[in-house]
């Protein structure tokens, strides 16, 4: 069994919002705390600077939604759909993802440190310039994905597959080539040196 970070407990919530109660198409600077969203349709939502803290999302559709300067801190996403969703300069520190769909998910900038994304299918997702410090990507399927300019310091990557992924400009100093799939991945010359050193090779 692949080693993974200790699981984070699901946040305890105080109120529940169901699909019939949600008619919002855009949120601007709103604050939500300890709220559970169940089967809510947030497709196409325009979220500007709103903060969700300790919230739980179950079966929520985020398809084609946009989130700019928003925060989802210590939240749990269970079986949610993120088709063509865009997160720009958002903070998702400490949040966890369980199941769901991530086709064409686009993450630009922001801080996703300490997030739990073990086992996810991220083959058609892209992360650019994102801080992914101590992220749990154990067993994640990232073949052909775009992970450019990201900080993977102390990331949990055992069993993850980045075959044919674009990893240019990313911090790969903590990667273990013996436990991560890298066949055909696109990297830069200095990153190749990092990988060679991790393999125990002597250069020069």
Foldseek 3Di string as FASTA:
>chain_A
DADWDDDDDQFAADEEAEQVRDDAQEDAQAEAERYEYELHENDNYEYHAYEYYSYEYYQYEPHNYEHENYEQELYEYEQYEHHLYEYEQYEHDNYEYHHHYQANYEYHEHEHENYEDDQAECCRYAHELYEHDQYIHHLYENDQYHDELYEDHNHHHFNYEHALYEHENYDCLPPQPVRYHHHNYHYDPVVVVSNCVSVVHDDD
